[in-house]
Structure formats: structure tokens, C-alpha cells
Amino acid sequence: MAKKIVPDELWEIVEPLLPPEPPKPDGGRPRVSNRAALTGILFVLKSGIPWAMLPQERGCGSGVTCWRRLRDWHEAGVWKKLHQSLLEYLQEAEQLDWDRACMDSVSIKAKKGDQPLAQTRQTVGDPELNGTY
């Protein structure tokens, strides 16, 4: 049997972080479950396929549905909360080694920046000399 993309243990962490389903005053089709949408999101991100090529047989809804749910959850701050929850979970399980942690400039802001030591020299040639129009 194939390994689940969203195992029960992960789903127990993710489910409480998700926003409630928006009301549908006019009815409409039943909504794809959050777990199915998460499965589709993770499948696309792990495989690298385009959203439009998400196989319908996986039962995750369409690629557009999964992409919209990804967008909505991002706007609701779900991914930041999930990141924090997973770090706490791994810390409790003694699976984190903070002696080997590293940071990059994408995730850590430079407070007040740093002043350059000298003015940067221009490396682009004179635009009037460019023969391309």
C-alpha cells in the first residue's frame, strides 16, 4: 500500500490551524474536504507538476481548487502557524538539534540595514553607446 501524503499524525496538527469553511448562502456543490485539498497541495509541491495536471483520480479536487485553498490558507496565516507547531512538536520529540541550525537572509530581516563602506561603482556602460533600441 502506498504511503499517505497526509498521515493521521500530521492531520491532527494541521486541522485545528485551518480557518472555518466560509458560509454558502446560495448552496452549491459540496466543498472538497480540507484534508483532500492538503493532499493535492502537497502532491503538486512534492512532484513539481503544474496545478492543472493534478490527477483527478487522487480525489483531491482540481488543481485550481487546491491552488485556491493554498492561497486562502496563506492569507489566513496557516503556514506560519503550522511551521511553529511543527517546530514545537519536533522539539518535544527531541528531534531538533539547535546547535546545527542556520538562518538565511530570506527569513531574517536586517534591522536598520548596514551602511556600505564605500559608494558602489557603476558597472553599466553609458546607455547612449548601446546600439539596441
Protein backbone atom coordinates (compact mmCIF):
# COMPACT_ATOMS: atom_id res chain seq x y z
CA MET A 1 0.00 0.00 0.00
CA ALA A 2 1.27 3.46 -0.87
CA LYS A 3 2.33 5.80 1.91
CA LYS A 4 -0.26 8.52 2.67
CA ILE A 5 0.76 12.04 1.74
CA VAL A 6 -1.11 13.39 4.78
CA PRO A 7 -0.78 10.81 7.57
CA ASP A 8 -3.17 10.94 10.52
CA GLU A 9 -0.44 12.26 12.85
CA LEU A 10 0.20 15.26 10.54
CA TRP A 11 -3.52 15.88 10.01
CA GLU A 12 -4.07 16.11 13.78
CA ILE A 13 -1.57 19.00 13.84
CA VAL A 14 -2.86 20.76 10.72
CA GLU A 15 -6.64 20.52 11.16
CA PRO A 16 -7.01 22.89 14.16
CA LEU A 17 -4.99 25.56 12.33
CA LEU A 18 -7.31 25.76 9.32
CA PRO A 19 -9.92 28.51 9.09
CA PRO A 20 -13.59 27.52 9.21
CA GLU A 21 -15.40 26.83 5.97
CA PRO A 22 -16.97 30.01 4.58
CA PRO A 23 -20.78 30.00 4.54
CA LYS A 24 -22.60 29.26 1.28
CA PRO A 25 -25.92 31.11 1.48
CA ASP A 26 -26.91 30.09 -2.07
CA GLY A 27 -26.00 26.40 -1.72
CA GLY A 28 -23.78 24.99 -4.45
CA ARG A 29 -21.57 21.96 -4.79
CA PRO A 30 -20.15 20.30 -1.70
CA ARG A 31 -16.72 21.63 -0.86
CA VAL A 32 -13.64 19.42 -1.27
CA SER A 33 -12.51 18.40 2.20
CA ASN A 34 -9.56 20.27 3.69
CA ARG A 35 -7.61 17.03 4.03
CA ALA A 36 -8.13 16.19 0.34
CA ALA A 37 -7.08 19.73 -0.64
CA LEU A 38 -3.96 19.49 1.54
CA THR A 39 -3.13 16.16 -0.09
CA GLY A 40 -3.43 17.77 -3.53
CA ILE A 41 -1.31 20.75 -2.48
CA LEU A 42 1.45 18.54 -1.11
CA PHE A 43 1.30 16.27 -4.16
CA VAL A 44 1.81 19.21 -6.54
CA LEU A 45 4.57 20.74 -4.41
CA LYS A 46 6.42 17.45 -3.97
CA SER A 47 6.12 16.30 -7.58
CA GLY A 48 6.62 19.68 -9.23
CA ILE A 49 3.78 19.17 -11.71
CA PRO A 50 1.69 22.14 -12.84
CA TRP A 51 -1.54 22.70 -10.88
CA ALA A 52 -3.61 21.96 -13.98
CA MET A 53 -2.08 18.47 -14.22
CA LEU A 54 -3.17 17.33 -10.74
CA PRO A 55 -4.67 13.87 -11.41
CA GLN A 56 -8.41 13.79 -10.68
CA GLU A 57 -8.08 10.14 -9.64
CA ARG A 58 -6.26 11.22 -6.49
CA GLY A 59 -9.58 12.56 -5.16
CA CYS A 60 -8.12 15.97 -4.27
CA GLY A 61 -10.34 18.09 -6.45
CA SER A 62 -8.97 20.11 -9.31
CA GLY A 63 -5.62 21.86 -9.35
CA VAL A 64 -7.43 25.20 -9.28
CA THR A 65 -9.33 24.16 -6.14
CA CYS A 66 -6.10 23.15 -4.40
CA TRP A 67 -4.32 26.32 -5.54
CA ARG A 68 -7.16 28.50 -4.21
CA ARG A 69 -7.10 26.67 -0.88
CA LEU A 70 -3.30 27.15 -0.73
CA ARG A 71 -3.80 30.88 -1.37
CA ASP A 72 -6.61 31.21 1.19
CA TRP A 73 -4.63 29.37 3.85
CA HIS A 74 -1.60 31.53 3.17
CA GLU A 75 -3.68 34.68 3.60
CA ALA A 76 -5.08 33.24 6.87
CA GLY A 77 -1.52 32.65 8.19
CA VAL A 78 -1.92 28.87 8.33
CA TRP A 79 1.58 28.08 7.03
CA LYS A 80 3.34 30.25 9.63
CA LYS A 81 1.27 28.66 12.41
CA LEU A 82 1.96 25.19 11.01
CA HIS A 83 5.69 25.89 10.88
CA GLN A 84 5.68 26.95 14.53
CA SER A 85 3.55 23.95 15.55
CA LEU A 86 5.84 21.51 13.77
CA LEU A 87 8.92 23.05 15.39
CA GLU A 88 7.28 22.68 18.81
CA TYR A 89 6.27 19.10 18.02
CA LEU A 90 9.80 18.18 16.92
CA GLN A 91 11.31 19.92 19.94
CA GLU A 92 9.09 17.91 22.31
CA ALA A 93 10.10 14.72 20.48
CA GLU A 94 13.78 15.76 20.88
CA GLN A 95 14.23 15.68 17.11
CA LEU A 96 15.73 19.17 16.77
CA ASP A 97 19.42 19.92 17.18
CA TRP A 98 19.65 23.71 17.58
CA ASP A 99 23.47 23.50 17.52
CA ARG A 100 23.17 22.81 13.81
CA ALA A 101 20.59 25.48 12.98
CA CYS A 102 21.27 28.10 10.34
CA MET A 103 19.45 31.15 9.03
CA ASP A 104 19.38 32.83 5.69
CA SER A 105 18.66 36.39 4.71
CA VAL A 106 15.26 35.50 3.30
CA SER A 107 13.82 34.53 6.67
CA ILE A 108 15.63 37.03 8.92
CA LYS A 109 15.31 40.78 8.36
CA ALA A 110 18.33 43.02 8.71
CA LYS A 111 17.32 45.57 11.32
CA LYS A 112 18.16 49.07 10.08
CA GLY A 113 20.33 47.51 7.38
CA ASP A 114 24.03 48.13 7.10
CA GLN A 115 25.74 51.14 5.62
CA PRO A 116 28.10 50.39 2.72
CA LEU A 117 31.76 51.13 3.40
CA ALA A 118 32.19 52.98 0.10
CA GLN A 119 30.00 54.14 -2.76
CA THR A 120 29.32 51.35 -5.21
CA ARG A 121 30.92 51.89 -8.59
CA GLN A 122 28.56 51.89 -11.58
CA THR A 123 29.08 48.78 -13.72
CA VAL A 124 26.64 49.57 -16.53
CA GLY A 125 28.02 51.26 -19.60
CA ASP A 126 26.82 54.58 -21.00
CA PRO A 127 23.26 54.00 -22.29
CA GLU A 128 23.93 56.27 -25.28
CA LEU A 129 26.57 53.85 -26.51
CA ASN A 130 24.07 50.98 -26.65
CA GLY A 131 23.16 50.17 -30.24
CA THR A 132 19.98 48.28 -29.29
CA TYR A 133 16.74 50.25 -29.41
